């Protein structure tokens, strides 16, 4: 069965394309939490059980993260999942 989507809503393919608002919010919040904790990339990888390569993509906003990974990352940095995807306030972080 093909459901029709409402006008002006993205297709599934468009919604899956990173970066998007949620992936960028997660990247900012995760980087801030990592810095706040003084946690290295290696430490975050060890704490979360995820590869450093994958975490690098998440931190750049290049990876679409499912709910399971969001939960894992939230626990790794001691934050609530919904706080990790809230739109940030203030200017966007500059990529280095």
PDB file of N, CA and C in Angstrom:
ATOM      1  N   UNK A   1       0.833  -1.156   0.000  1.00  0.00           N
ATOM      2  CA  UNK A   1       0.000   0.000   0.000  1.00  0.00           C
ATOM      3  C   UNK A   1       0.890   1.236   0.000  1.00  0.00           C
ATOM      4  N   UNK A   2       0.645   2.140  -0.907  1.00  0.00           N
ATOM      5  CA  UNK A   2       1.409   3.374  -0.997  1.00  0.00           C
ATOM      6  C   UNK A   2       0.650   4.505  -0.328  1.00  0.00           C
ATOM      7  N   UNK A   3       1.210   5.014   0.723  1.00  0.00           N
ATOM      8  CA  UNK A   3       0.590   6.142   1.422  1.00  0.00           C
ATOM      9  C   UNK A   3       1.063   7.422   0.762  1.00  0.00           C
ATOM     10  N   UNK A   4       0.183   8.370   0.639  1.00  0.00           N
ATOM     11  CA  UNK A   4       0.562   9.662   0.082  1.00  0.00           C
ATOM     12  C   UNK A   4       1.072  10.540   1.212  1.00  0.00           C
ATOM     13  N   UNK A   5       2.132  11.246   0.927  1.00  0.00           N
ATOM     14  CA  UNK A   5       2.654  12.146   1.949  1.00  0.00           C
ATOM     15  C   UNK A   5       2.083  13.535   1.743  1.00  0.00           C
ATOM     16  N   UNK A   6       2.034  14.255   2.821  1.00  0.00           N
ATOM     17  CA  UNK A   6       1.498  15.606   2.792  1.00  0.00           C
ATOM     18  C   UNK A   6       2.386  16.491   1.920  1.00  0.00           C
ATOM     19  N   UNK A   7       1.796  17.483   1.279  1.00  0.00           N
ATOM     20  CA  UNK A   7       2.609  18.401   0.475  1.00  0.00           C
ATOM     21  C   UNK A   7       3.699  19.053   1.319  1.00  0.00           C
ATOM     22  N   UNK A   8       4.833  19.297   0.705  1.00  0.00           N
ATOM     23  CA  UNK A   8       5.976  19.979   1.320  1.00  0.00           C
ATOM     24  C   UNK A   8       6.651  19.160   2.418  1.00  0.00           C
ATOM     25  N   UNK A   9       6.425  17.851   2.437  1.00  0.00           N
ATOM     26  CA  UNK A   9       7.156  17.004   3.380  1.00  0.00           C
ATOM     27  C   UNK A   9       8.215  16.250   2.587  1.00  0.00           C
ATOM     28  N   UNK A  10       9.366  16.021   3.197  1.00  0.00           N
ATOM     29  CA  UNK A  10      10.439  15.352   2.456  1.00  0.00           C
ATOM     30  C   UNK A  10      10.123  13.879   2.236  1.00  0.00           C
ATOM     31  N   UNK A  11      10.689  13.346   1.171  1.00  0.00           N
ATOM     32  CA  UNK A  11      10.563  11.913   0.932  1.00  0.00           C
ATOM     33  C   UNK A  11      11.463  11.194   1.932  1.00  0.00           C
ATOM     34  N   UNK A  12      11.304   9.884   2.035  1.00  0.00           N
ATOM     35  CA  UNK A  12      12.154   9.102   2.941  1.00  0.00           C
ATOM     36  C   UNK A  12      13.612   9.257   2.549  1.00  0.00           C
ATOM     37  N   UNK A  13      13.892   9.269   1.261  1.00  0.00           N
ATOM     38  CA  UNK A  13      15.280   9.431   0.804  1.00  0.00           C
ATOM     39  C   UNK A  13      15.827  10.790   1.205  1.00  0.00           C
ATOM     40  N   UNK A  14      15.011  11.837   1.067  1.00  0.00           N
ATOM     41  CA  UNK A  14      15.454  13.176   1.471  1.00  0.00           C
ATOM     42  C   UNK A  14      15.670  13.255   2.978  1.00  0.00           C
ATOM     43  N   UNK A  15      14.776  12.655   3.729  1.00  0.00           N
ATOM     44  CA  UNK A  15      14.872  12.698   5.185  1.00  0.00           C
ATOM     45  C   UNK A  15      16.093  11.934   5.686  1.00  0.00           C
ATOM     46  N   UNK A  16      16.535  10.936   4.945  1.00  0.00           N
ATOM     47  CA  UNK A  16      17.688  10.132   5.337  1.00  0.00           C
ATOM     48  C   UNK A  16      19.015  10.760   4.963  1.00  0.00           C
ATOM     49  N   UNK A  17      18.986  11.842   4.230  1.00  0.00           N
ATOM     50  CA  UNK A  17      20.215  12.461   3.776  1.00  0.00           C
ATOM     51  C   UNK A  17      20.809  13.313   4.889  1.00  0.00           C
ATOM     52  N   UNK A  18      22.020  12.991   5.278  1.00  0.00           N
ATOM     53  CA  UNK A  18      22.713  13.792   6.288  1.00  0.00           C
ATOM     54  C   UNK A  18      23.547  14.833   5.551  1.00  0.00           C
ATOM     55  N   UNK A  19      23.837  15.965   6.094  1.00  0.00           N
ATOM     56  CA  UNK A  19      23.392  16.416   7.401  1.00  0.00           C
ATOM     57  C   UNK A  19      21.982  16.994   7.356  1.00  0.00           C
ATOM     58  N   UNK A  20      21.309  16.853   8.440  1.00  0.00           N
ATOM     59  CA  UNK A  20      20.002  17.479   8.604  1.00  0.00           C
ATOM     60  C   UNK A  20      19.964  18.104   9.988  1.00  0.00           C
ATOM     61  N   UNK A  21      18.874  18.743  10.325  1.00  0.00           N
ATOM     62  CA  UNK A  21      18.783  19.476  11.590  1.00  0.00           C
ATOM     63  C   UNK A  21      19.106  18.598  12.798  1.00  0.00           C
ATOM     64  N   UNK A  22      18.596  17.363  12.800  1.00  0.00           N
ATOM     65  CA  UNK A  22      18.820  16.489  13.958  1.00  0.00           C
ATOM     66  C   UNK A  22      20.251  15.976  14.023  1.00  0.00           C
ATOM     67  N   UNK A  23      20.822  15.603  12.872  1.00  0.00           N
ATOM     68  CA  UNK A  23      22.199  15.096  12.904  1.00  0.00           C
ATOM     69  C   UNK A  23      23.171  16.201  13.312  1.00  0.00           C
ATOM     70  N   UNK A  24      22.894  17.432  12.880  1.00  0.00           N
ATOM     71  CA  UNK A  24      23.761  18.547  13.260  1.00  0.00           C
ATOM     72  C   UNK A  24      23.600  18.892  14.738  1.00  0.00           C
ATOM     73  N   UNK A  25      22.367  18.827  15.246  1.00  0.00           N
ATOM     74  CA  UNK A  25      22.152  19.073  16.675  1.00  0.00           C
ATOM     75  C   UNK A  25      22.867  18.016  17.507  1.00  0.00           C
ATOM     76  N   UNK A  26      22.747  16.762  17.106  1.00  0.00           N
ATOM     77  CA  UNK A  26      23.429  15.687  17.832  1.00  0.00           C
ATOM     78  C   UNK A  26      24.933  15.903  17.802  1.00  0.00           C
ATOM     79  N   UNK A  27      25.465  16.275  16.658  1.00  0.00           N
ATOM     80  CA  UNK A  27      26.909  16.507  16.547  1.00  0.00           C
ATOM     81  C   UNK A  27      27.356  17.587  17.519  1.00  0.00           C
ATOM     82  N   UNK A  28      26.623  18.685  17.583  1.00  0.00           N
ATOM     83  CA  UNK A  28      26.994  19.785  18.486  1.00  0.00           C
ATOM     84  C   UNK A  28      26.896  19.369  19.947  1.00  0.00           C
ATOM     85  N   UNK A  29      25.797  18.730  20.308  1.00  0.00           N
ATOM     86  CA  UNK A  29      25.614  18.335  21.707  1.00  0.00           C
ATOM     87  C   UNK A  29      26.619  17.265  22.129  1.00  0.00           C
ATOM     88  N   UNK A  30      26.908  16.329  21.245  1.00  0.00           N
ATOM     89  CA  UNK A  30      27.863  15.269  21.573  1.00  0.00           C
ATOM     90  C   UNK A  30      29.265  15.849  21.744  1.00  0.00           C
ATOM     91  N   UNK A  31      29.652  16.736  20.841  1.00  0.00           N
ATOM     92  CA  UNK A  31      30.972  17.366  20.949  1.00  0.00           C
ATOM     93  C   UNK A  31      31.074  18.190  22.233  1.00  0.00           C
ATOM     94  N   UNK A  32      30.012  18.910  22.567  1.00  0.00           N
ATOM     95  CA  UNK A  32      30.018  19.722  23.790  1.00  0.00           C
ATOM     96  C   UNK A  32      30.124  18.827  25.028  1.00  0.00           C
ATOM     97  N   UNK A  33      29.371  17.732  25.049  1.00  0.00           N
ATOM     98  CA  UNK A  33      29.410  16.811  26.193  1.00  0.00           C
ATOM     99  C   UNK A  33      30.785  16.159  26.302  1.00  0.00           C
ATOM    100  N   UNK A  34      31.345  15.787  25.178  1.00  0.00           N
ATOM    101  CA  UNK A  34      32.667  15.163  25.158  1.00  0.00           C
ATOM    102  C   UNK A  34      33.707  16.142  25.724  1.00  0.00           C
ATOM    103  N   UNK A  35      33.624  17.394  25.311  1.00  0.00           N
ATOM    104  CA  UNK A  35      34.561  18.411  25.804  1.00  0.00           C
ATOM    105  C   UNK A  35      34.349  18.662  27.296  1.00  0.00           C
ATOM    106  N   UNK A  36      33.081  18.766  27.686  1.00  0.00           N
ATOM    107  CA  UNK A  36      32.737  18.999  29.098  1.00  0.00           C
ATOM    108  C   UNK A  36      33.310  17.904  29.993  1.00  0.00           C
ATOM    109  N   UNK A  37      33.287  16.679  29.504  1.00  0.00           N
ATOM    110  CA  UNK A  37      33.785  15.543  30.276  1.00  0.00           C
ATOM    111  C   UNK A  37      35.294  15.348  30.136  1.00  0.00           C
ATOM    112  N   UNK A  38      35.914  16.079  29.210  1.00  0.00           N
ATOM    113  CA  UNK A  38      37.342  15.886  28.943  1.00  0.00           C
ATOM    114  C   UNK A  38      37.609  14.518  28.342  1.00  0.00           C
ATOM    115  N   UNK A  39      36.655  14.041  27.553  1.00  0.00           N
ATOM    116  CA  UNK A  39      36.723  12.690  26.990  1.00  0.00           C
ATOM    117  C   UNK A  39      37.347  12.730  25.591  1.00  0.00           C
ATOM    118  N   UNK A  40      38.338  11.918  25.377  1.00  0.00           N
ATOM    119  CA  UNK A  40      38.971  11.824  24.060  1.00  0.00           C
ATOM    120  C   UNK A  40      38.091  11.014  23.114  1.00  0.00           C
ATOM    121  N   UNK A  41      38.442  11.053  21.841  1.00  0.00           N
ATOM    122  CA  UNK A  41      37.725  10.245  20.852  1.00  0.00           C
ATOM    123  C   UNK A  41      37.855   8.762  21.198  1.00  0.00           C
ATOM    124  N   UNK A  42      39.023   8.380  21.629  1.00  0.00           N
ATOM    125  CA  UNK A  42      39.246   6.985  22.036  1.00  0.00           C
ATOM    126  C   UNK A  42      38.387   6.632  23.249  1.00  0.00           C
ATOM    127  N   UNK A  43      38.295   7.560  24.207  1.00  0.00           N
ATOM    128  CA  UNK A  43      37.482   7.327  25.399  1.00  0.00           C
ATOM    129  C   UNK A  43      36.005   7.215  25.074  1.00  0.00           C
ATOM    130  N   UNK A  44      35.519   8.090  24.173  1.00  0.00           N
ATOM    131  CA  UNK A  44      34.120   8.018  23.769  1.00  0.00           C
ATOM    132  C   UNK A  44      33.842   6.719  23.024  1.00  0.00           C
ATOM    133  N   UNK A  45      34.773   6.304  22.199  1.00  0.00           N
ATOM    134  CA  UNK A  45      34.613   5.042  21.479  1.00  0.00           C
ATOM    135  C   UNK A  45      34.562   3.871  22.465  1.00  0.00           C
ATOM    136  N   UNK A  46      35.438   3.884  23.432  1.00  0.00           N
ATOM    137  CA  UNK A  46      35.464   2.806  24.429  1.00  0.00           C
ATOM    138  C   UNK A  46      34.194   2.804  25.271  1.00  0.00           C
ATOM    139  N   UNK A  47      33.753   3.987  25.688  1.00  0.00           N
ATOM    140  CA  UNK A  47      32.569   4.104  26.534  1.00  0.00           C
ATOM    141  C   UNK A  47      31.306   3.669  25.790  1.00  0.00           C
ATOM    142  N   UNK A  48      31.242   3.981  24.502  1.00  0.00           N
ATOM    143  CA  UNK A  48      30.033   3.686  23.727  1.00  0.00           C
ATOM    144  C   UNK A  48      30.070   2.346  23.015  1.00  0.00           C
ATOM    145  N   UNK A  49      31.271   1.813  22.807  1.00  0.00           N
ATOM    146  CA  UNK A  49      31.392   0.567  22.043  1.00  0.00           C
ATOM    147  C   UNK A  49      31.287   0.777  20.542  1.00  0.00           C
ATOM    148  N   UNK A  50      31.378   2.032  20.095  1.00  0.00           N
ATOM    149  CA  UNK A  50      31.302   2.359  18.675  1.00  0.00           C
ATOM    150  C   UNK A  50      32.701   2.668  18.150  1.00  0.00           C
ATOM    151  N   UNK A  51      32.893   2.507  16.863  1.00  0.00           N
ATOM    152  CA  UNK A  51      34.215   2.761  16.291  1.00  0.00           C
ATOM    153  C   UNK A  51      34.504   4.259  16.243  1.00  0.00           C
ATOM    154  N   UNK A  52      35.781   4.602  16.311  1.00  0.00           N
ATOM    155  CA  UNK A  52      36.168   6.011  16.224  1.00  0.00           C
ATOM    156  C   UNK A  52      35.811   6.587  14.861  1.00  0.00           C
ATOM    157  N   UNK A  53      35.902   5.781  13.816  1.00  0.00           N
ATOM    158  CA  UNK A  53      35.555   6.256  12.473  1.00  0.00           C
ATOM    159  C   UNK A  53      34.075   6.634  12.401  1.00  0.00           C
ATOM    160  N   UNK A  54      33.211   5.796  12.966  1.00  0.00           N
ATOM    161  CA  UNK A  54      31.784   6.092  12.972  1.00  0.00           C
ATOM    162  C   UNK A  54      31.500   7.324  13.823  1.00  0.00           C
ATOM    163  N   UNK A  55      32.131   7.415  14.991  1.00  0.00           N
ATOM    164  CA  UNK A  55      31.943   8.572  15.864  1.00  0.00           C
ATOM    165  C   UNK A  55      32.396   9.862  15.181  1.00  0.00           C
ATOM    166  N   UNK A  56      33.453   9.788  14.397  1.00  0.00           N
ATOM    167  CA  UNK A  56      33.915  10.970  13.666  1.00  0.00           C
ATOM    168  C   UNK A  56      32.837  11.441  12.697  1.00  0.00           C
ATOM    169  N   UNK A  57      32.168  10.502  12.040  1.00  0.00           N
ATOM    170  CA  UNK A  57      31.071  10.861  11.126  1.00  0.00           C
ATOM    171  C   UNK A  57      29.900  11.467  11.895  1.00  0.00           C
ATOM    172  N   UNK A  58      29.599  10.928  13.065  1.00  0.00           N
ATOM    173  CA  UNK A  58      28.516  11.472  13.901  1.00  0.00           C
ATOM    174  C   UNK A  58      28.873  12.893  14.329  1.00  0.00           C
ATOM    175  N   UNK A  59      30.102  13.110  14.760  1.00  0.00           N
ATOM    176  CA  UNK A  59      30.540  14.421  15.239  1.00  0.00           C
ATOM    177  C   UNK A  59      30.607  15.467  14.128  1.00  0.00           C
ATOM    178  N   UNK A  60      30.691  15.022  12.887  1.00  0.00           N
ATOM    179  CA  UNK A  60      30.659  15.944  11.746  1.00  0.00           C
ATOM    180  C   UNK A  60      29.236  16.146  11.232  1.00  0.00           C
ATOM    181  N   UNK A  61      28.277  15.413  11.791  1.00  0.00           N
ATOM    182  CA  UNK A  61      26.899  15.512  11.320  1.00  0.00           C
ATOM    183  C   UNK A  61      26.676  14.764  10.028  1.00  0.00           C
ATOM    184  N   UNK A  62      27.541  13.813   9.715  1.00  0.00           N
ATOM    185  CA  UNK A  62      27.478  13.088   8.448  1.00  0.00           C
ATOM    186  C   UNK A  62      26.795  11.736   8.556  1.00  0.00           C
ATOM    187  N   UNK A  63      26.464  11.304   9.755  1.00  0.00           N
ATOM    188  CA  UNK A  63      25.856   9.983   9.944  1.00  0.00           C
ATOM    189  C   UNK A  63      24.446  10.138  10.492  1.00  0.00           C
ATOM    190  N   UNK A  64      23.521   9.446   9.883  1.00  0.00           N
ATOM    191  CA  UNK A  64      22.169   9.386  10.436  1.00  0.00           C
ATOM    192  C   UNK A  64      22.173   8.325  11.517  1.00  0.00           C
ATOM    193  N   UNK A  65      21.762   8.726  12.685  1.00  0.00           N
ATOM    194  CA  UNK A  65      21.836   7.869  13.859  1.00  0.00           C
ATOM    195  C   UNK A  65      20.438   7.380  14.207  1.00  0.00           C
ATOM    196  N   UNK A  66      20.301   6.082  14.392  1.00  0.00           N
ATOM    197  CA  UNK A  66      19.031   5.516  14.823  1.00  0.00           C
ATOM    198  C   UNK A  66      18.836   5.716  16.318  1.00  0.00           C
ATOM    199  N   UNK A  67      17.656   5.362  16.777  1.00  0.00           N
ATOM    200  CA  UNK A  67      17.344   5.552  18.198  1.00  0.00           C
ATOM    201  C   UNK A  67      18.250   4.739  19.111  1.00  0.00           C
ATOM    202  N   UNK A  68      18.609   3.535  18.708  1.00  0.00           N
ATOM    203  CA  UNK A  68      19.489   2.704  19.532  1.00  0.00           C
ATOM    204  C   UNK A  68      20.845   3.354  19.733  1.00  0.00           C
ATOM    205  N   UNK A  69      21.410   3.885  18.655  1.00  0.00           N
ATOM    206  CA  UNK A  69      22.717   4.551  18.756  1.00  0.00           C
ATOM    207  C   UNK A  69      22.586   5.837  19.545  1.00  0.00           C
ATOM    208  N   UNK A  70      21.493   6.565  19.366  1.00  0.00           N
ATOM    209  CA  UNK A  70      21.255   7.772  20.165  1.00  0.00           C
ATOM    210  C   UNK A  70      21.250   7.431  21.652  1.00  0.00           C
ATOM    211  N   UNK A  71      20.587   6.335  22.018  1.00  0.00           N
ATOM    212  CA  UNK A  71      20.553   5.905  23.420  1.00  0.00           C
ATOM    213  C   UNK A  71      21.957   5.566  23.922  1.00  0.00           C
ATOM    214  N   UNK A  72      22.716   4.849  23.123  1.00  0.00           N
ATOM    215  CA  UNK A  72      24.083   4.467  23.504  1.00  0.00           C
ATOM    216  C   UNK A  72      24.947   5.709  23.718  1.00  0.00           C
ATOM    217  N   UNK A  73      24.890   6.649  22.771  1.00  0.00           N
ATOM    218  CA  UNK A  73      25.706   7.855  22.882  1.00  0.00           C
ATOM    219  C   UNK A  73      25.277   8.704  24.071  1.00  0.00           C
ATOM    220  N   UNK A  74      23.984   8.799  24.297  1.00  0.00           N
ATOM    221  CA  UNK A  74      23.480   9.569  25.434  1.00  0.00           C
ATOM    222  C   UNK A  74      23.986   8.999  26.752  1.00  0.00           C
ATOM    223  N   UNK A  75      23.896   7.697  26.881  1.00  0.00           N
ATOM    224  CA  UNK A  75      24.390   7.055  28.113  1.00  0.00           C
ATOM    225  C   UNK A  75      25.889   7.253  28.275  1.00  0.00           C
ATOM    226  N   UNK A  76      26.622   7.186  27.161  1.00  0.00           N
ATOM    227  CA  UNK A  76      28.081   7.310  27.219  1.00  0.00           C
ATOM    228  C   UNK A  76      28.520   8.660  27.768  1.00  0.00           C
ATOM    229  N   UNK A  77      27.722   9.707  27.511  1.00  0.00           N
ATOM    230  CA  UNK A  77      28.096  11.038  27.990  1.00  0.00           C
ATOM    231  C   UNK A  77      27.202  11.528  29.132  1.00  0.00           C
ATOM    232  N   UNK A  78      26.314  10.662  29.617  1.00  0.00           N
ATOM    233  CA  UNK A  78      25.491  10.992  30.772  1.00  0.00           C
ATOM    234  C   UNK A  78      24.416  12.036  30.510  1.00  0.00           C
ATOM    235  N   UNK A  79      23.877  12.041  29.312  1.00  0.00           N
ATOM    236  CA  UNK A  79      22.826  12.998  28.947  1.00  0.00           C
ATOM    237  C   UNK A  79      21.552  12.253  28.591  1.00  0.00           C
ATOM    238  N   UNK A  80      20.443  12.976  28.574  1.00  0.00           N
ATOM    239  CA  UNK A  80      19.172  12.411  28.140  1.00  0.00           C
ATOM    240  C   UNK A  80      19.120  12.451  26.612  1.00  0.00           C
ATOM    241  N   UNK A  81      18.566  11.417  25.976  1.00  0.00           N
ATOM    242  CA  UNK A  81      18.533  11.383  24.505  1.00  0.00           C
ATOM    243  C   UNK A  81      17.866  12.610  23.883  1.00  0.00           C
ATOM    244  N   UNK A  82      16.756  13.076  24.481  1.00  0.00           N
ATOM    245  CA  UNK A  82      16.053  14.215  23.892  1.00  0.00           C
ATOM    246  C   UNK A  82      16.877  15.485  23.982  1.00  0.00           C
ATOM    247  N   UNK A  83      17.745  15.571  24.991  1.00  0.00           N
ATOM    248  CA  UNK A  83      18.611  16.744  25.095  1.00  0.00           C
ATOM    249  C   UNK A  83      19.695  16.738  24.017  1.00  0.00           C
ATOM    250  N   UNK A  84      20.017  15.567  23.521  1.00  0.00           N
ATOM    251  CA  UNK A  84      21.072  15.437  22.512  1.00  0.00           C
ATOM    252  C   UNK A  84      20.616  15.864  21.123  1.00  0.00           C
ATOM    253  N   UNK A  85      19.310  15.956  20.907  1.00  0.00           N
ATOM    254  CA  UNK A  85      18.826  16.329  19.576  1.00  0.00           C
ATOM    255  C   UNK A  85      18.026  17.628  19.577  1.00  0.00           C
ATOM    256  N   UNK A  86      18.019  18.329  20.709  1.00  0.00           N
ATOM    257  CA  UNK A  86      17.355  19.630  20.764  1.00  0.00           C
ATOM    258  C   UNK A  86      18.094  20.592  19.843  1.00  0.00           C
ATOM    259  N   UNK A  87      17.347  21.431  19.139  1.00  0.00           N
ATOM    260  CA  UNK A  87      18.045  22.443  18.342  1.00  0.00           C
ATOM    261  C   UNK A  87      18.887  23.312  19.268  1.00  0.00           C
ATOM    262  N   UNK A  88      20.125  23.531  18.909  1.00  0.00           N
ATOM    263  CA  UNK A  88      21.008  24.311  19.776  1.00  0.00           C
ATOM    264  C   UNK A  88      20.665  25.792  19.729  1.00  0.00           C
ATOM    265  N   UNK A  89      21.013  26.477  20.786  1.00  0.00           N
ATOM    266  CA  UNK A  89      20.879  27.924  20.782  1.00  0.00           C
ATOM    267  C   UNK A  89      22.265  28.509  20.536  1.00  0.00           C
ATOM    268  N   UNK A  90      22.301  29.626  19.925  1.00  0.00           N
ATOM    269  CA  UNK A  90      23.575  30.265  19.636  1.00  0.00           C
ATOM    270  C   UNK A  90      24.069  29.926  18.253  1.00  0.00           C
ATOM    271  N   UNK A  91      25.197  30.513  17.872  1.00  0.00           N
ATOM    272  CA  UNK A  91      25.736  30.312  16.529  1.00  0.00           C
ATOM    273  C   UNK A  91      26.263  28.887  16.327  1.00  0.00           C
ATOM    274  N   UNK A  92      26.212  28.393  15.095  1.00  0.00           N
ATOM    275  CA  UNK A  92      26.721  27.040  14.827  1.00  0.00           C
ATOM    276  C   UNK A  92      28.220  26.942  15.070  1.00  0.00           C
ATOM    277  N   UNK A  93      28.639  25.762  15.467  1.00  0.00           N
ATOM    278  CA  UNK A  93      30.052  25.484  15.686  1.00  0.00           C
ATOM    279  C   UNK A  93      30.787  25.488  14.358  1.00  0.00           C
ATOM    280  N   UNK A  94      31.961  26.051  14.334  1.00  0.00           N
ATOM    281  CA  UNK A  94      32.769  26.074  13.106  1.00  0.00           C
ATOM    282  C   UNK A  94      33.501  24.747  12.948  1.00  0.00           C
ATOM    283  N   UNK A  95      33.440  24.189  11.739  1.00  0.00           N
ATOM    284  CA  UNK A  95      34.202  22.968  11.474  1.00  0.00           C
ATOM    285  C   UNK A  95      35.672  23.318  11.330  1.00  0.00           C
ATOM    286  N   UNK A  96      36.521  22.430  11.841  1.00  0.00           N
ATOM    287  CA  UNK A  96      37.955  22.702  11.718  1.00  0.00           C
ATOM    288  C   UNK A  96      38.571  21.844  10.656  1.00  0.00           C
TER     289      UNK A  96
END
